[in-house]
Amino acid sequence: MYAVIATGGKQYRVQPGETIRIERLNDDAGQARTEGAVTFDEVLLVADGENVKIGTPKVAGAKVEAEIVEAGRGEKLLIYKYRRRKGYRRKTGHRQPFTAVKIKSISA
């Protein structure tokens, strides 16, 4: 059994027992969530063998239960800008925040 969920502007294919990294989840105060259970209600597709339910745009009554495992920041990406013959060089870095969740169950 698997499902396709939408969160953080992206879509993820998930299965029970799987751990995925998604865009950082915030609580009501805007702080990063580091523990607790999460429910994803925006389920786009649920498949169980030959039985496939496709939402228009969401599957009615479907939800995915997950538990937060970790919250952190990813590997550093370097951004380097350069203009030839102009003496222009800029080097910056970026670390994307993430939340790692473990999928507990999928209900349709």
C-alpha atoms as a PDB file:
ATOM      1  CA  MET A   1       0.000   0.000   0.000  1.00  0.00           C
ATOM      2  CA  TYR A   2       1.239   3.475  -0.836  1.00  0.00           C
ATOM      3  CA  ALA A   3      -0.047   7.026  -1.107  1.00  0.00           C
ATOM      4  CA  VAL A   4       0.944  10.312  -2.693  1.00  0.00           C
ATOM      5  CA  ILE A   5       0.758  13.287  -0.321  1.00  0.00           C
ATOM      6  CA  ALA A   6       1.324  17.000  -0.862  1.00  0.00           C
ATOM      7  CA  THR A   7       3.124  19.091   1.749  1.00  0.00           C
ATOM      8  CA  GLY A   8       5.410  22.088   1.559  1.00  0.00           C
ATOM      9  CA  GLY A   9       4.632  22.667  -2.113  1.00  0.00           C
ATOM     10  CA  LYS A  10       5.956  19.237  -3.092  1.00  0.00           C
ATOM     11  CA  GLN A  11       4.486  15.772  -3.616  1.00  0.00           C
ATOM     12  CA  TYR A  12       5.842  12.612  -1.977  1.00  0.00           C
ATOM     13  CA  ARG A  13       5.143   8.904  -2.536  1.00  0.00           C
ATOM     14  CA  VAL A  14       4.991   7.272   0.905  1.00  0.00           C
ATOM     15  CA  GLN A  15       4.584   3.777   2.358  1.00  0.00           C
ATOM     16  CA  PRO A  16       4.047   2.686   5.966  1.00  0.00           C
ATOM     17  CA  GLY A  17       7.325   2.293   7.848  1.00  0.00           C
ATOM     18  CA  GLU A  18       9.203   4.613   5.500  1.00  0.00           C
ATOM     19  CA  THR A  19      11.131   7.692   6.732  1.00  0.00           C
ATOM     20  CA  ILE A  20      11.172  10.741   4.451  1.00  0.00           C
ATOM     21  CA  ARG A  21      12.574  14.264   4.631  1.00  0.00           C
ATOM     22  CA  ILE A  22      10.026  16.977   3.916  1.00  0.00           C
ATOM     23  CA  GLU A  23      10.039  20.758   4.076  1.00  0.00           C
ATOM     24  CA  ARG A  24      10.223  22.054   7.652  1.00  0.00           C
ATOM     25  CA  LEU A  25       6.959  21.846   9.609  1.00  0.00           C
ATOM     26  CA  ASN A  26       6.165  24.762  11.919  1.00  0.00           C
ATOM     27  CA  ASP A  27       3.914  24.912  14.970  1.00  0.00           C
ATOM     28  CA  ASP A  28       1.445  27.761  15.639  1.00  0.00           C
ATOM     29  CA  ALA A  29       4.177  30.070  16.976  1.00  0.00           C
ATOM     30  CA  GLY A  30       6.328  29.598  13.864  1.00  0.00           C
ATOM     31  CA  GLN A  31       8.925  27.437  15.635  1.00  0.00           C
ATOM     32  CA  ALA A  32      10.178  24.239  14.011  1.00  0.00           C
ATOM     33  CA  ARG A  33       8.357  21.144  15.283  1.00  0.00           C
ATOM     34  CA  THR A  34      10.757  18.594  16.730  1.00  0.00           C
ATOM     35  CA  GLU A  35       8.413  15.952  18.172  1.00  0.00           C
ATOM     36  CA  GLY A  36       4.876  14.635  18.037  1.00  0.00           C
ATOM     37  CA  ALA A  37       2.452  13.115  15.576  1.00  0.00           C
ATOM     38  CA  VAL A  38       1.485  14.651  12.250  1.00  0.00           C
ATOM     39  CA  THR A  39      -1.554  14.003  10.051  1.00  0.00           C
ATOM     40  CA  PHE A  40      -1.410  14.726   6.335  1.00  0.00           C
ATOM     41  CA  ASP A  41      -4.920  15.353   4.986  1.00  0.00           C
ATOM     42  CA  GLU A  42      -3.872  16.386   1.488  1.00  0.00           C
ATOM     43  CA  VAL A  43      -3.735  12.883  -0.011  1.00  0.00           C
ATOM     44  CA  LEU A  44      -3.721  12.887  -3.825  1.00  0.00           C
ATOM     45  CA  LEU A  45      -3.665   9.134  -4.488  1.00  0.00           C
ATOM     46  CA  VAL A  46      -4.061   5.914  -2.503  1.00  0.00           C
ATOM     47  CA  ALA A  47      -3.134   2.532  -4.005  1.00  0.00           C
ATOM     48  CA  ASP A  48      -3.597  -0.898  -2.424  1.00  0.00           C
ATOM     49  CA  GLY A  49      -2.611  -3.531  -4.952  1.00  0.00           C
ATOM     50  CA  GLU A  50      -5.043  -3.283  -7.874  1.00  0.00           C
ATOM     51  CA  ASN A  51      -7.369  -0.926  -5.975  1.00  0.00           C
ATOM     52  CA  VAL A  52      -6.309   2.656  -6.837  1.00  0.00           C
ATOM     53  CA  LYS A  53      -8.153   5.793  -5.714  1.00  0.00           C
ATOM     54  CA  ILE A  54      -7.219   9.030  -7.462  1.00  0.00           C
ATOM     55  CA  GLY A  55      -8.412  12.300  -5.980  1.00  0.00           C
ATOM     56  CA  THR A  56      -9.843  15.291  -7.818  1.00  0.00           C
ATOM     57  CA  PRO A  57      -7.703  16.940  -6.433  1.00  0.00           C
ATOM     58  CA  LYS A  58      -7.785  15.139  -3.034  1.00  0.00           C
ATOM     59  CA  VAL A  59      -9.059  11.695  -2.019  1.00  0.00           C
ATOM     60  CA  ALA A  60     -12.061  12.269   0.271  1.00  0.00           C
ATOM     61  CA  GLY A  61     -11.587  10.900   3.785  1.00  0.00           C
ATOM     62  CA  ALA A  62      -8.026   9.725   3.224  1.00  0.00           C
ATOM     63  CA  LYS A  63      -5.228  10.629   5.603  1.00  0.00           C
ATOM     64  CA  VAL A  64      -1.673   9.632   6.379  1.00  0.00           C
ATOM     65  CA  GLU A  65      -0.452   9.388   9.979  1.00  0.00           C
ATOM     66  CA  ALA A  66       3.226  10.102  10.675  1.00  0.00           C
ATOM     67  CA  GLU A  67       5.569  10.770  13.568  1.00  0.00           C
ATOM     68  CA  ILE A  68       8.336  13.380  13.623  1.00  0.00           C
ATOM     69  CA  VAL A  69      11.751  11.734  13.928  1.00  0.00           C
ATOM     70  CA  GLU A  70      14.126  14.657  13.457  1.00  0.00           C
ATOM     71  CA  ALA A  71      14.241  18.343  12.536  1.00  0.00           C
ATOM     72  CA  GLY A  72      17.396  19.906  11.233  1.00  0.00           C
ATOM     73  CA  ARG A  73      19.210  21.497   8.334  1.00  0.00           C
ATOM     74  CA  GLY A  74      20.551  19.791   5.244  1.00  0.00           C
ATOM     75  CA  GLU A  75      24.014  19.818   3.718  1.00  0.00           C
ATOM     76  CA  LYS A  76      25.487  23.169   2.748  1.00  0.00           C
ATOM     77  CA  LEU A  77      25.133  24.189  -0.889  1.00  0.00           C
ATOM     78  CA  LEU A  78      27.611  26.743  -2.219  1.00  0.00           C
ATOM     79  CA  ILE A  79      26.448  29.541  -4.511  1.00  0.00           C
ATOM     80  CA  TYR A  80      29.170  31.318  -6.440  1.00  0.00           C
ATOM     81  CA  LYS A  81      28.494  34.310  -8.688  1.00  0.00           C
ATOM     82  CA  TYR A  82      31.158  35.608 -11.043  1.00  0.00           C
ATOM     83  CA  ARG A  83      31.366  38.231 -13.786  1.00  0.00           C
ATOM     84  CA  ARG A  84      34.400  37.984 -15.995  1.00  0.00           C
ATOM     85  CA  ARG A  85      36.695  41.027 -16.275  1.00  0.00           C
ATOM     86  CA  LYS A  86      34.617  43.044 -13.774  1.00  0.00           C
ATOM     87  CA  GLY A  87      36.188  42.090 -10.432  1.00  0.00           C
ATOM     88  CA  TYR A  88      32.813  40.780  -9.256  1.00  0.00           C
ATOM     89  CA  ARG A  89      32.809  37.635  -7.108  1.00  0.00           C
ATOM     90  CA  ARG A  90      30.239  36.544  -4.522  1.00  0.00           C
ATOM     91  CA  LYS A  91      30.325  33.316  -2.554  1.00  0.00           C
ATOM     92  CA  THR A  92      27.434  32.380  -0.283  1.00  0.00           C
ATOM     93  CA  GLY A  93      26.017  29.198   1.175  1.00  0.00           C
ATOM     94  CA  HIS A  94      22.581  27.782   1.950  1.00  0.00           C
ATOM     95  CA  ARG A  95      21.318  25.030   4.251  1.00  0.00           C
ATOM     96  CA  GLN A  96      17.704  24.022   3.668  1.00  0.00           C
ATOM     97  CA  PRO A  97      15.731  23.227   6.852  1.00  0.00           C
ATOM     98  CA  PHE A  98      13.913  19.872   6.895  1.00  0.00           C
ATOM     99  CA  THR A  99      11.727  17.657   9.055  1.00  0.00           C
ATOM    100  CA  ALA A 100      12.204  13.881   8.912  1.00  0.00           C
ATOM    101  CA  VAL A 101       8.946  11.956   9.471  1.00  0.00           C
ATOM    102  CA  LYS A 102       8.254   8.241   9.775  1.00  0.00           C
ATOM    103  CA  ILE A 103       5.015   7.103   8.124  1.00  0.00           C
ATOM    104  CA  LYS A 104       2.874   5.102  10.554  1.00  0.00           C
ATOM    105  CA  SER A 105      -0.313   4.340   8.624  1.00  0.00           C
ATOM    106  CA  ILE A 106      -2.373   5.163   5.553  1.00  0.00           C
ATOM    107  CA  SER A 107      -6.156   5.170   5.780  1.00  0.00           C
ATOM    108  CA  ALA A 108      -8.508   5.664   2.858  1.00  0.00           C
END
